[in-house]
C-alpha atoms as a PDB file:
ATOM      1  CA  UNK A   1      -1.453  45.455  51.192  1.00  0.00           C
ATOM      2  CA  UNK A   2      -3.837  43.270  49.236  1.00  0.00           C
ATOM      3  CA  UNK A   3      -2.209  41.348  46.435  1.00  0.00           C
ATOM      4  CA  UNK A   4       1.330  41.547  47.805  1.00  0.00           C
ATOM      5  CA  UNK A   5       3.470  38.404  47.667  1.00  0.00           C
ATOM      6  CA  UNK A   6       6.247  39.557  49.990  1.00  0.00           C
ATOM      7  CA  UNK A   7       6.396  41.975  52.932  1.00  0.00           C
ATOM      8  CA  UNK A   8       9.016  43.200  55.361  1.00  0.00           C
ATOM      9  CA  UNK A   9       8.025  43.438  59.029  1.00  0.00           C
ATOM     10  CA  UNK A  10       9.384  45.316  62.039  1.00  0.00           C
ATOM     11  CA  UNK A  11       7.855  46.015  65.454  1.00  0.00           C
ATOM     12  CA  UNK A  12       8.623  48.808  67.880  1.00  0.00           C
ATOM     13  CA  UNK A  13       7.889  48.538  71.562  1.00  0.00           C
ATOM     14  CA  UNK A  14       9.056  46.647  74.628  1.00  0.00           C
ATOM     15  CA  UNK A  15       9.418  42.924  74.026  1.00  0.00           C
ATOM     16  CA  UNK A  16      11.012  41.794  77.266  1.00  0.00           C
ATOM     17  CA  UNK A  17       8.899  39.937  79.822  1.00  0.00           C
ATOM     18  CA  UNK A  18       7.267  40.785  82.091  1.00  0.00           C
ATOM     19  CA  UNK A  19       6.530  44.048  80.262  1.00  0.00           C
ATOM     20  CA  UNK A  20       5.363  43.354  76.733  1.00  0.00           C
ATOM     21  CA  UNK A  21       4.184  46.330  74.705  1.00  0.00           C
ATOM     22  CA  UNK A  22       3.845  46.942  70.976  1.00  0.00           C
ATOM     23  CA  UNK A  23       3.576  50.551  69.913  1.00  0.00           C
ATOM     24  CA  UNK A  24       4.097  50.344  66.142  1.00  0.00           C
ATOM     25  CA  UNK A  25       3.905  47.642  63.484  1.00  0.00           C
ATOM     26  CA  UNK A  26       5.840  48.575  60.351  1.00  0.00           C
ATOM     27  CA  UNK A  27       4.994  46.682  57.175  1.00  0.00           C
ATOM     28  CA  UNK A  28       6.803  47.381  53.899  1.00  0.00           C
ATOM     29  CA  UNK A  29       6.058  46.293  50.356  1.00  0.00           C
ATOM     30  CA  UNK A  30       8.571  46.756  47.542  1.00  0.00           C
ATOM     31  CA  UNK A  31       6.936  50.132  46.814  1.00  0.00           C
ATOM     32  CA  UNK A  32       5.484  51.456  50.104  1.00  0.00           C
ATOM     33  CA  UNK A  33       5.873  51.429  53.872  1.00  0.00           C
ATOM     34  CA  UNK A  34       2.948  51.351  56.294  1.00  0.00           C
ATOM     35  CA  UNK A  35       3.183  52.253  59.974  1.00  0.00           C
ATOM     36  CA  UNK A  36       0.346  50.946  62.124  1.00  0.00           C
ATOM     37  CA  UNK A  37      -0.118  52.546  65.555  1.00  0.00           C
ATOM     38  CA  UNK A  38      -1.381  49.732  67.774  1.00  0.00           C
ATOM     39  CA  UNK A  39      -0.298  51.062  71.161  1.00  0.00           C
ATOM     40  CA  UNK A  40      -3.054  50.432  73.682  1.00  0.00           C
ATOM     41  CA  UNK A  41      -5.427  49.089  71.031  1.00  0.00           C
ATOM     42  CA  UNK A  42      -7.560  46.005  71.781  1.00  0.00           C
ATOM     43  CA  UNK A  43      -7.391  42.933  69.536  1.00  0.00           C
ATOM     44  CA  UNK A  44     -10.711  43.912  67.913  1.00  0.00           C
ATOM     45  CA  UNK A  45      -9.563  47.405  66.836  1.00  0.00           C
ATOM     46  CA  UNK A  46      -9.708  47.882  63.026  1.00  0.00           C
ATOM     47  CA  UNK A  47      -5.956  48.548  62.764  1.00  0.00           C
ATOM     48  CA  UNK A  48      -5.183  45.342  64.693  1.00  0.00           C
ATOM     49  CA  UNK A  49      -7.605  43.338  62.545  1.00  0.00           C
ATOM     50  CA  UNK A  50      -5.817  44.652  59.422  1.00  0.00           C
ATOM     51  CA  UNK A  51      -2.452  43.624  60.881  1.00  0.00           C
ATOM     52  CA  UNK A  52      -3.794  40.204  61.872  1.00  0.00           C
ATOM     53  CA  UNK A  53      -5.227  39.498  58.415  1.00  0.00           C
ATOM     54  CA  UNK A  54      -1.950  40.523  56.780  1.00  0.00           C
ATOM     55  CA  UNK A  55       0.478  38.764  59.131  1.00  0.00           C
ATOM     56  CA  UNK A  56      -1.511  35.536  59.347  1.00  0.00           C
ATOM     57  CA  UNK A  57      -1.965  35.209  55.560  1.00  0.00           C
ATOM     58  CA  UNK A  58      -0.030  32.048  54.581  1.00  0.00           C
ATOM     59  CA  UNK A  59       0.152  33.116  50.913  1.00  0.00           C
ATOM     60  CA  UNK A  60       2.292  36.178  51.706  1.00  0.00           C
ATOM     61  CA  UNK A  61       5.976  35.784  52.633  1.00  0.00           C
ATOM     62  CA  UNK A  62       7.106  37.972  55.517  1.00  0.00           C
ATOM     63  CA  UNK A  63      10.765  38.922  55.958  1.00  0.00           C
ATOM     64  CA  UNK A  64      11.647  39.562  59.604  1.00  0.00           C
ATOM     65  CA  UNK A  65      14.984  39.811  61.398  1.00  0.00           C
ATOM     66  CA  UNK A  66      15.120  37.718  64.604  1.00  0.00           C
ATOM     67  CA  UNK A  67      11.393  37.642  65.221  1.00  0.00           C
ATOM     68  CA  UNK A  68      11.328  35.510  68.385  1.00  0.00           C
ATOM     69  CA  UNK A  69      10.439  38.369  70.725  1.00  0.00           C
ATOM     70  CA  UNK A  70       8.224  40.072  68.111  1.00  0.00           C
ATOM     71  CA  UNK A  71       6.279  36.866  67.494  1.00  0.00           C
ATOM     72  CA  UNK A  72       5.833  36.308  71.229  1.00  0.00           C
ATOM     73  CA  UNK A  73       4.578  39.858  71.785  1.00  0.00           C
ATOM     74  CA  UNK A  74       2.198  39.683  68.798  1.00  0.00           C
ATOM     75  CA  UNK A  75       0.660  36.472  70.138  1.00  0.00           C
ATOM     76  CA  UNK A  76       0.343  37.505  73.789  1.00  0.00           C
ATOM     77  CA  UNK A  77      -0.824  41.081  73.221  1.00  0.00           C
ATOM     78  CA  UNK A  78      -2.856  40.965  70.015  1.00  0.00           C
ATOM     79  CA  UNK A  79      -3.612  37.296  69.351  1.00  0.00           C
ATOM     80  CA  UNK A  80      -1.641  37.361  66.080  1.00  0.00           C
ATOM     81  CA  UNK A  81       0.264  34.284  64.912  1.00  0.00           C
ATOM     82  CA  UNK A  82       2.852  34.894  62.195  1.00  0.00           C
ATOM     83  CA  UNK A  83       2.594  32.596  59.173  1.00  0.00           C
ATOM     84  CA  UNK A  84       5.083  32.090  56.338  1.00  0.00           C
ATOM     85  CA  UNK A  85       7.872  34.199  57.817  1.00  0.00           C
ATOM     86  CA  UNK A  86      11.594  34.066  57.102  1.00  0.00           C
END
């Protein structure tokens, strides 16, 4: 994921309060797709740290469709704040 200028993002899980759960984070580059299994992982798990570094990087554009619920779940469950998303 290093060196990418644009990524696509999709989350799978339950994003409706009161039950927030993220099972998979899917990140795609123009050439590859990565599926990160974060279900039940704490915020300090290596896979979550990788996701956090990628999704919070302001130099990388993230393309997301209707990310209100996804953004809320990322923040409340994993402490991730999306930056530079469209």
